[in-house]
PDB file of all heavy atoms in Angstrom:
ATOM      1  N   VAL A   1       0.829  -1.199  -0.004  1.00  0.00           N
ATOM      2  CA  VAL A   1      -0.004   0.000   0.002  1.00  0.00           C
ATOM      3  C   VAL A   1       0.871   1.258  -0.003  1.00  0.00           C
ATOM      4  O   VAL A   1       0.582   2.235  -0.688  1.00  0.00           O
ATOM      5  CB  VAL A   1      -0.941   0.012   1.224  1.00  0.00           C
ATOM      6  CG1 VAL A   1      -1.767   1.281   1.284  1.00  0.00           C
ATOM      7  CG2 VAL A   1      -1.834  -1.207   1.206  1.00  0.00           C
ATOM      8  N   ASP A   2       1.956   1.236   0.789  1.00  0.00           N
ATOM      9  CA  ASP A   2       2.843   2.386   0.924  1.00  0.00           C
ATOM     10  C   ASP A   2       4.277   1.884   0.829  1.00  0.00           C
ATOM     11  O   ASP A   2       4.802   1.280   1.761  1.00  0.00           O
ATOM     12  CB  ASP A   2       2.594   3.075   2.277  1.00  0.00           C
ATOM     13  CG  ASP A   2       3.479   4.285   2.511  1.00  0.00           C
ATOM     14  OD1 ASP A   2       4.396   4.542   1.673  1.00  0.00           O
ATOM     15  OD2 ASP A   2       3.288   4.966   3.521  1.00  0.00           O
ATOM     16  N   GLY A   3       4.905   2.127  -0.302  1.00  0.00           N
ATOM     17  CA  GLY A   3       6.263   1.627  -0.557  1.00  0.00           C
ATOM     18  C   GLY A   3       7.315   2.118   0.415  1.00  0.00           C
ATOM     19  O   GLY A   3       8.410   1.557   0.490  1.00  0.00           O
ATOM     20  N   ARG A   4       7.015   3.179   1.176  1.00  0.00           N
ATOM     21  CA  ARG A   4       7.964   3.684   2.168  1.00  0.00           C
ATOM     22  C   ARG A   4       7.886   2.910   3.471  1.00  0.00           C
ATOM     23  O   ARG A   4       8.811   2.920   4.278  1.00  0.00           O
ATOM     24  CB  ARG A   4       7.703   5.171   2.469  1.00  0.00           C
ATOM     25  CG  ARG A   4       7.848   6.067   1.246  1.00  0.00           C
ATOM     26  CD  ARG A   4       7.253   7.419   1.518  1.00  0.00           C
ATOM     27  NE  ARG A   4       5.811   7.248   1.750  1.00  0.00           N
ATOM     28  CZ  ARG A   4       5.007   8.166   2.257  1.00  0.00           C
ATOM     29  NH1 ARG A   4       5.478   9.327   2.599  1.00  0.00           N
ATOM     30  NH2 ARG A   4       3.714   7.927   2.419  1.00  0.00           N
ATOM     31  N   ALA A   5       6.768   2.244   3.690  1.00  0.00           N
ATOM     32  CA  ALA A   5       6.517   1.555   4.964  1.00  0.00           C
ATOM     33  C   ALA A   5       6.810   0.057   4.834  1.00  0.00           C
ATOM     34  O   ALA A   5       6.899  -0.487   3.732  1.00  0.00           O
ATOM     35  CB  ALA A   5       5.075   1.759   5.385  1.00  0.00           C
ATOM     36  N   TYR A   6       6.966  -0.563   5.982  1.00  0.00           N
ATOM     37  CA  TYR A   6       7.151  -2.016   6.041  1.00  0.00           C
ATOM     38  C   TYR A   6       5.947  -2.663   6.692  1.00  0.00           C
ATOM     39  O   TYR A   6       5.248  -2.046   7.508  1.00  0.00           O
ATOM     40  CB  TYR A   6       8.395  -2.374   6.864  1.00  0.00           C
ATOM     41  CG  TYR A   6       9.676  -2.098   6.145  1.00  0.00           C
ATOM     42  CD1 TYR A   6      10.337  -0.894   6.299  1.00  0.00           C
ATOM     43  CD2 TYR A   6      10.240  -3.051   5.300  1.00  0.00           C
ATOM     44  CE1 TYR A   6      11.521  -0.625   5.641  1.00  0.00           C
ATOM     45  CE2 TYR A   6      11.434  -2.794   4.631  1.00  0.00           C
ATOM     46  CZ  TYR A   6      12.067  -1.584   4.799  1.00  0.00           C
ATOM     47  OH  TYR A   6      13.233  -1.329   4.148  1.00  0.00           O
ATOM     48  N   CYS A   7       5.713  -3.901   6.335  1.00  0.00           N
ATOM     49  CA  CYS A   7       4.700  -4.693   7.010  1.00  0.00           C
ATOM     50  C   CYS A   7       5.327  -6.044   7.340  1.00  0.00           C
ATOM     51  O   CYS A   7       6.434  -6.355   6.885  1.00  0.00           O
ATOM     52  CB  CYS A   7       3.446  -4.853   6.150  1.00  0.00           C
ATOM     53  SG  CYS A   7       3.712  -5.638   4.564  1.00  0.00           S
ATOM     54  N   VAL A   8       4.645  -6.799   8.140  1.00  0.00           N
ATOM     55  CA  VAL A   8       5.177  -8.113   8.531  1.00  0.00           C
ATOM     56  C   VAL A   8       4.176  -9.196   8.139  1.00  0.00           C
ATOM     57  O   VAL A   8       2.969  -8.946   8.053  1.00  0.00           O
ATOM     58  CB  VAL A   8       5.461  -8.186  10.049  1.00  0.00           C
ATOM     59  CG1 VAL A   8       6.682  -7.360  10.399  1.00  0.00           C
ATOM     60  CG2 VAL A   8       4.266  -7.750  10.863  1.00  0.00           C
ATOM     61  N   LYS A   9       4.707 -10.366   7.880  1.00  0.00           N
ATOM     62  CA  LYS A   9       3.871 -11.522   7.582  1.00  0.00           C
ATOM     63  C   LYS A   9       4.485 -12.722   8.271  1.00  0.00           C
ATOM     64  O   LYS A   9       5.667 -12.724   8.631  1.00  0.00           O
ATOM     65  CB  LYS A   9       3.706 -11.735   6.092  1.00  0.00           C
ATOM     66  CG  LYS A   9       4.952 -12.264   5.396  1.00  0.00           C
ATOM     67  CD  LYS A   9       4.644 -12.597   3.950  1.00  0.00           C
ATOM     68  CE  LYS A   9       5.583 -13.688   3.475  1.00  0.00           C
ATOM     69  NZ  LYS A   9       5.092 -14.390   2.331  1.00  0.00           N
ATOM     70  N   LEU A  10       3.672 -13.750   8.442  1.00  0.00           N
ATOM     71  CA  LEU A  10       4.161 -14.967   9.059  1.00  0.00           C
ATOM     72  C   LEU A  10       5.082 -15.712   8.105  1.00  0.00           C
ATOM     73  O   LEU A  10       4.800 -15.801   6.914  1.00  0.00           O
ATOM     74  CB  LEU A  10       3.007 -15.893   9.435  1.00  0.00           C
ATOM     75  CG  LEU A  10       2.027 -15.418  10.501  1.00  0.00           C
ATOM     76  CD1 LEU A  10       0.923 -16.460  10.670  1.00  0.00           C
ATOM     77  CD2 LEU A  10       2.721 -15.170  11.807  1.00  0.00           C
ATOM     78  N   SER A  11       6.154 -16.246   8.646  1.00  0.00           N
ATOM     79  CA  SER A  11       6.977 -17.171   7.878  1.00  0.00           C
ATOM     80  C   SER A  11       6.315 -18.541   7.983  1.00  0.00           C
ATOM     81  O   SER A  11       5.315 -18.708   8.688  1.00  0.00           O
ATOM     82  CB  SER A  11       8.388 -17.221   8.482  1.00  0.00           C
ATOM     83  OG  SER A  11       8.319 -17.800   9.789  1.00  0.00           O
ATOM     84  N   LYS A  12       6.890 -19.537   7.324  1.00  0.00           N
ATOM     85  CA  LYS A  12       6.349 -20.892   7.463  1.00  0.00           C
ATOM     86  C   LYS A  12       6.421 -21.342   8.921  1.00  0.00           C
ATOM     87  O   LYS A  12       5.481 -21.940   9.440  1.00  0.00           O
ATOM     88  CB  LYS A  12       7.103 -21.865   6.558  1.00  0.00           C
ATOM     89  CG  LYS A  12       6.772 -21.693   5.095  1.00  0.00           C
ATOM     90  CD  LYS A  12       7.494 -22.692   4.233  1.00  0.00           C
ATOM     91  CE  LYS A  12       7.143 -22.445   2.774  1.00  0.00           C
ATOM     92  NZ  LYS A  12       7.840 -23.366   1.874  1.00  0.00           N
ATOM     93  N   ARG A  13       7.528 -21.031   9.591  1.00  0.00           N
ATOM     94  CA  ARG A  13       7.664 -21.381  11.012  1.00  0.00           C
ATOM     95  C   ARG A  13       6.631 -20.640  11.850  1.00  0.00           C
ATOM     96  O   ARG A  13       6.091 -21.175  12.805  1.00  0.00           O
ATOM     97  CB  ARG A  13       9.074 -21.045  11.512  1.00  0.00           C
ATOM     98  CG  ARG A  13      10.135 -22.006  11.016  1.00  0.00           C
ATOM     99  CD  ARG A  13      11.491 -21.717  11.605  1.00  0.00           C
ATOM    100  NE  ARG A  13      11.446 -21.903  13.046  1.00  0.00           N
ATOM    101  CZ  ARG A  13      12.248 -21.279  13.894  1.00  0.00           C
ATOM    102  NH1 ARG A  13      13.157 -20.432  13.459  1.00  0.00           N
ATOM    103  NH2 ARG A  13      12.154 -21.502  15.182  1.00  0.00           N
ATOM    104  N   GLY A  14       6.369 -19.389  11.501  1.00  0.00           N
ATOM    105  CA  GLY A  14       5.379 -18.595  12.222  1.00  0.00           C
ATOM    106  C   GLY A  14       3.981 -19.165  12.059  1.00  0.00           C
ATOM    107  O   GLY A  14       3.192 -19.200  13.009  1.00  0.00           O
ATOM    108  N   THR A  15       3.675 -19.627  10.845  1.00  0.00           N
ATOM    109  CA  THR A  15       2.369 -20.226  10.593  1.00  0.00           C
ATOM    110  C   THR A  15       2.190 -21.481  11.453  1.00  0.00           C
ATOM    111  O   THR A  15       1.125 -21.698  12.034  1.00  0.00           O
ATOM    112  CB  THR A  15       2.225 -20.575   9.093  1.00  0.00           C
ATOM    113  OG1 THR A  15       2.369 -19.358   8.338  1.00  0.00           O
ATOM    114  CG2 THR A  15       0.892 -21.232   8.793  1.00  0.00           C
ATOM    115  N   LYS A  16       3.241 -22.279  11.555  1.00  0.00           N
ATOM    116  CA  LYS A  16       3.170 -23.483  12.404  1.00  0.00           C
ATOM    117  C   LYS A  16       3.026 -23.091  13.875  1.00  0.00           C
ATOM    118  O   LYS A  16       2.282 -23.731  14.622  1.00  0.00           O
ATOM    119  CB  LYS A  16       4.425 -24.335  12.219  1.00  0.00           C
ATOM    120  CG  LYS A  16       4.481 -25.058  10.907  1.00  0.00           C
ATOM    121  CD  LYS A  16       5.755 -25.867  10.785  1.00  0.00           C
ATOM    122  CE  LYS A  16       5.857 -26.494   9.412  1.00  0.00           C
ATOM    123  NZ  LYS A  16       7.122 -27.206   9.221  1.00  0.00           N
ATOM    124  N   ALA A  17       3.735 -22.041  14.287  1.00  0.00           N
ATOM    125  CA  ALA A  17       3.710 -21.634  15.701  1.00  0.00           C
ATOM    126  C   ALA A  17       2.332 -21.145  16.123  1.00  0.00           C
ATOM    127  O   ALA A  17       1.918 -21.350  17.270  1.00  0.00           O
ATOM    128  CB  ALA A  17       4.747 -20.538  15.945  1.00  0.00           C
ATOM    129  N   VAL A  18       1.622 -20.502  15.218  1.00  0.00           N
ATOM    130  CA  VAL A  18       0.310 -19.934  15.568  1.00  0.00           C
ATOM    131  C   VAL A  18      -0.836 -20.932  15.346  1.00  0.00           C
ATOM    132  O   VAL A  18      -1.936 -20.724  15.818  1.00  0.00           O
ATOM    133  CB  VAL A  18       0.077 -18.613  14.809  1.00  0.00           C
ATOM    134  CG1 VAL A  18      -0.351 -18.863  13.379  1.00  0.00           C
ATOM    135  CG2 VAL A  18      -0.927 -17.738  15.518  1.00  0.00           C
ATOM    136  N   ALA A  19      -0.535 -22.041  14.674  1.00  0.00           N
ATOM    137  CA  ALA A  19      -1.577 -23.063  14.445  1.00  0.00           C
ATOM    138  C   ALA A  19      -2.094 -23.539  15.794  1.00  0.00           C
ATOM    139  O   ALA A  19      -1.355 -23.841  16.711  1.00  0.00           O
ATOM    140  CB  ALA A  19      -0.993 -24.227  13.652  1.00  0.00           C
ATOM    141  N   GLY A  20      -3.386 -23.560  15.917  1.00  0.00           N
ATOM    142  CA  GLY A  20      -4.009 -24.027  17.151  1.00  0.00           C
ATOM    143  C   GLY A  20      -4.146 -22.952  18.219  1.00  0.00           C
ATOM    144  O   GLY A  20      -4.605 -23.241  19.320  1.00  0.00           O
ATOM    145  N   ALA A  21      -3.793 -21.727  17.900  1.00  0.00           N
ATOM    146  CA  ALA A  21      -3.877 -20.640  18.890  1.00  0.00           C
ATOM    147  C   ALA A  21      -5.310 -20.431  19.358  1.00  0.00           C
ATOM    148  O   ALA A  21      -5.551 -20.212  20.548  1.00  0.00           O
ATOM    149  CB  ALA A  21      -3.294 -19.354  18.338  1.00  0.00           C
ATOM    150  N   ASP A  22      -6.264 -20.501  18.440  1.00  0.00           N
ATOM    151  CA  ASP A  22      -7.666 -20.309  18.823  1.00  0.00           C
ATOM    152  C   ASP A  22      -8.111 -21.367  19.831  1.00  0.00           C
ATOM    153  O   ASP A  22      -8.788 -21.050  20.815  1.00  0.00           O
ATOM    154  CB  ASP A  22      -8.584 -20.339  17.601  1.00  0.00           C
ATOM    155  CG  ASP A  22      -8.450 -19.098  16.735  1.00  0.00           C
ATOM    156  OD1 ASP A  22      -7.954 -18.070  17.247  1.00  0.00           O
ATOM    157  OD2 ASP A  22      -8.820 -19.151  15.551  1.00  0.00           O
ATOM    158  N   ARG A  23      -7.720 -22.611  19.595  1.00  0.00           N
ATOM    159  CA  ARG A  23      -8.061 -23.684  20.547  1.00  0.00           C
ATOM    160  C   ARG A  23      -7.371 -23.447  21.887  1.00  0.00           C
ATOM    161  O   ARG A  23      -7.963 -23.666  22.949  1.00  0.00           O
ATOM    162  CB  ARG A  23      -7.668 -25.044  19.974  1.00  0.00           C
ATOM    163  CG  ARG A  23      -8.579 -25.499  18.834  1.00  0.00           C
ATOM    164  CD  ARG A  23      -8.283 -26.920  18.369  1.00  0.00           C
ATOM    165  NE  ARG A  23      -6.892 -27.178  18.035  1.00  0.00           N
ATOM    166  CZ  ARG A  23      -6.322 -26.876  16.864  1.00  0.00           C
ATOM    167  NH1 ARG A  23      -7.014 -26.311  15.917  1.00  0.00           N
ATOM    168  NH2 ARG A  23      -5.050 -27.163  16.647  1.00  0.00           N
ATOM    169  N   LEU A  24      -6.131 -22.981  21.838  1.00  0.00           N
ATOM    170  CA  LEU A  24      -5.400 -22.690  23.070  1.00  0.00           C
ATOM    171  C   LEU A  24      -6.080 -21.581  23.858  1.00  0.00           C
ATOM    172  O   LEU A  24      -6.310 -21.708  25.065  1.00  0.00           O
ATOM    173  CB  LEU A  24      -3.959 -22.284  22.734  1.00  0.00           C
ATOM    174  CG  LEU A  24      -3.094 -21.821  23.893  1.00  0.00           C
ATOM    175  CD1 LEU A  24      -2.872 -22.960  24.889  1.00  0.00           C
ATOM    176  CD2 LEU A  24      -1.763 -21.293  23.369  1.00  0.00           C
ATOM    177  N   TYR A  25      -6.430 -20.489  23.183  1.00  0.00           N
ATOM    178  CA  TYR A  25      -7.124 -19.381  23.849  1.00  0.00           C
ATOM    179  C   TYR A  25      -8.429 -19.871  24.487  1.00  0.00           C
ATOM    180  O   TYR A  25      -8.741 -19.531  25.618  1.00  0.00           O
ATOM    181  CB  TYR A  25      -7.457 -18.259  22.860  1.00  0.00           C
ATOM    182  CG  TYR A  25      -6.305 -17.415  22.393  1.00  0.00           C
ATOM    183  CD1 TYR A  25      -6.242 -16.961  21.071  1.00  0.00           C
ATOM    184  CD2 TYR A  25      -5.276 -17.043  23.245  1.00  0.00           C
ATOM    185  CE1 TYR A  25      -5.188 -16.168  20.636  1.00  0.00           C
ATOM    186  CE2 TYR A  25      -4.217 -16.260  22.805  1.00  0.00           C
ATOM    187  CZ  TYR A  25      -4.186 -15.821  21.503  1.00  0.00           C
ATOM    188  OH  TYR A  25      -3.159 -15.040  21.064  1.00  0.00           O
ATOM    189  N   THR A  26      -9.179 -20.672  23.735  1.00  0.00           N
ATOM    190  CA  THR A  26     -10.463 -21.179  24.238  1.00  0.00           C
ATOM    191  C   THR A  26     -10.259 -22.036  25.486  1.00  0.00           C
ATOM    192  O   THR A  26     -10.997 -21.894  26.468  1.00  0.00           O
ATOM    193  CB  THR A  26     -11.192 -21.986  23.131  1.00  0.00           C
ATOM    194  OG1 THR A  26     -11.425 -21.102  22.029  1.00  0.00           O
ATOM    195  CG2 THR A  26     -12.504 -22.533  23.633  1.00  0.00           C
ATOM    196  N   ARG A  27      -9.268 -22.926  25.459  1.00  0.00           N
ATOM    197  CA  ARG A  27      -8.987 -23.774  26.627  1.00  0.00           C
ATOM    198  C   ARG A  27      -8.635 -22.932  27.846  1.00  0.00           C
ATOM    199  O   ARG A  27      -9.153 -23.163  28.943  1.00  0.00           O
ATOM    200  CB  ARG A  27      -7.810 -24.712  26.333  1.00  0.00           C
ATOM    201  CG  ARG A  27      -8.175 -26.077  25.912  1.00  0.00           C
ATOM    202  CD  ARG A  27      -7.044 -27.079  25.953  1.00  0.00           C
ATOM    203  NE  ARG A  27      -5.685 -26.634  25.780  1.00  0.00           N
ATOM    204  CZ  ARG A  27      -5.040 -26.580  24.607  1.00  0.00           C
ATOM    205  NH1 ARG A  27      -5.643 -26.925  23.490  1.00  0.00           N
ATOM    206  NH2 ARG A  27      -3.784 -26.177  24.556  1.00  0.00           N
ATOM    207  N   ILE A  28      -7.782 -21.950  27.664  1.00  0.00           N
ATOM    208  CA  ILE A  28      -7.351 -21.109  28.783  1.00  0.00           C
ATOM    209  C   ILE A  28      -8.526 -20.292  29.316  1.00  0.00           C
ATOM    210  O   ILE A  28      -8.723 -20.188  30.536  1.00  0.00           O
ATOM    211  CB  ILE A  28      -6.181 -20.207  28.356  1.00  0.00           C
ATOM    212  CG1 ILE A  28      -4.941 -21.059  28.070  1.00  0.00           C
ATOM    213  CG2 ILE A  28      -5.877 -19.159  29.427  1.00  0.00           C
ATOM    214  CD1 ILE A  28      -3.819 -20.319  27.373  1.00  0.00           C
ATOM    215  N   GLU A  29      -9.293 -19.708  28.415  1.00  0.00           N
ATOM    216  CA  GLU A  29     -10.435 -18.897  28.843  1.00  0.00           C
ATOM    217  C   GLU A  29     -11.463 -19.748  29.588  1.00  0.00           C
ATOM    218  O   GLU A  29     -12.007 -19.300  30.606  1.00  0.00           O
ATOM    219  CB  GLU A  29     -11.070 -18.205  27.636  1.00  0.00           C
ATOM    220  CG  GLU A  29     -10.190 -17.106  27.089  1.00  0.00           C
ATOM    221  CD  GLU A  29     -10.611 -16.584  25.725  1.00  0.00           C
ATOM    222  OE1 GLU A  29     -11.663 -17.025  25.194  1.00  0.00           O
ATOM    223  OE2 GLU A  29      -9.883 -15.749  25.170  1.00  0.00           O
ATOM    224  N   LYS A  30     -11.708 -20.955  29.119  1.00  0.00           N
ATOM    225  CA  LYS A  30     -12.649 -21.843  29.824  1.00  0.00           C
ATOM    226  C   LYS A  30     -12.146 -22.153  31.230  1.00  0.00           C
ATOM    227  O   LYS A  30     -12.917 -22.120  32.188  1.00  0.00           O
ATOM    228  CB  LYS A  30     -12.854 -23.146  29.033  1.00  0.00           C
ATOM    229  CG  LYS A  30     -13.817 -23.006  27.896  1.00  0.00           C
ATOM    230  CD  LYS A  30     -14.042 -24.338  27.217  1.00  0.00           C
ATOM    231  CE  LYS A  30     -15.011 -24.179  26.065  1.00  0.00           C
ATOM    232  NZ  LYS A  30     -15.232 -25.420  25.341  1.00  0.00           N
ATOM    233  N   ARG A  31     -10.847 -22.423  31.361  1.00  0.00           N
ATOM    234  CA  ARG A  31     -10.305 -22.713  32.675  1.00  0.00           C
ATOM    235  C   ARG A  31     -10.356 -21.480  33.568  1.00  0.00           C
ATOM    236  O   ARG A  31     -10.668 -21.566  34.750  1.00  0.00           O
ATOM    237  CB  ARG A  31      -8.869 -23.228  32.560  1.00  0.00           C
ATOM    238  CG  ARG A  31      -8.850 -24.643  31.997  1.00  0.00           C
ATOM    239  CD  ARG A  31      -7.526 -25.314  32.087  1.00  0.00           C
ATOM    240  NE  ARG A  31      -7.101 -25.470  33.473  1.00  0.00           N
ATOM    241  CZ  ARG A  31      -5.838 -25.624  33.828  1.00  0.00           C
ATOM    242  NH1 ARG A  31      -4.888 -25.637  32.923  1.00  0.00           N
ATOM    243  NH2 ARG A  31      -5.512 -25.762  35.087  1.00  0.00           N
ATOM    244  N   LEU A  32     -10.060 -20.330  33.000  1.00  0.00           N
ATOM    245  CA  LEU A  32     -10.062 -19.085  33.774  1.00  0.00           C
ATOM    246  C   LEU A  32     -11.463 -18.770  34.304  1.00  0.00           C
ATOM    247  O   LEU A  32     -11.623 -18.315  35.436  1.00  0.00           O
ATOM    248  CB  LEU A  32      -9.529 -17.931  32.925  1.00  0.00           C
ATOM    249  CG  LEU A  32      -9.318 -16.594  33.614  1.00  0.00           C
ATOM    250  CD1 LEU A  32      -8.256 -16.716  34.704  1.00  0.00           C
ATOM    251  CD2 LEU A  32      -8.894 -15.546  32.608  1.00  0.00           C
TER     252      LEU A  32
END
């Protein structure tokens, strides 16, 4: 959108790391 600015995206490792985050959040919230 703006060639002067930077943005970030997930790497393949990042995609694996965040997989299952929604389930993790749900488990923690239920316990809390």
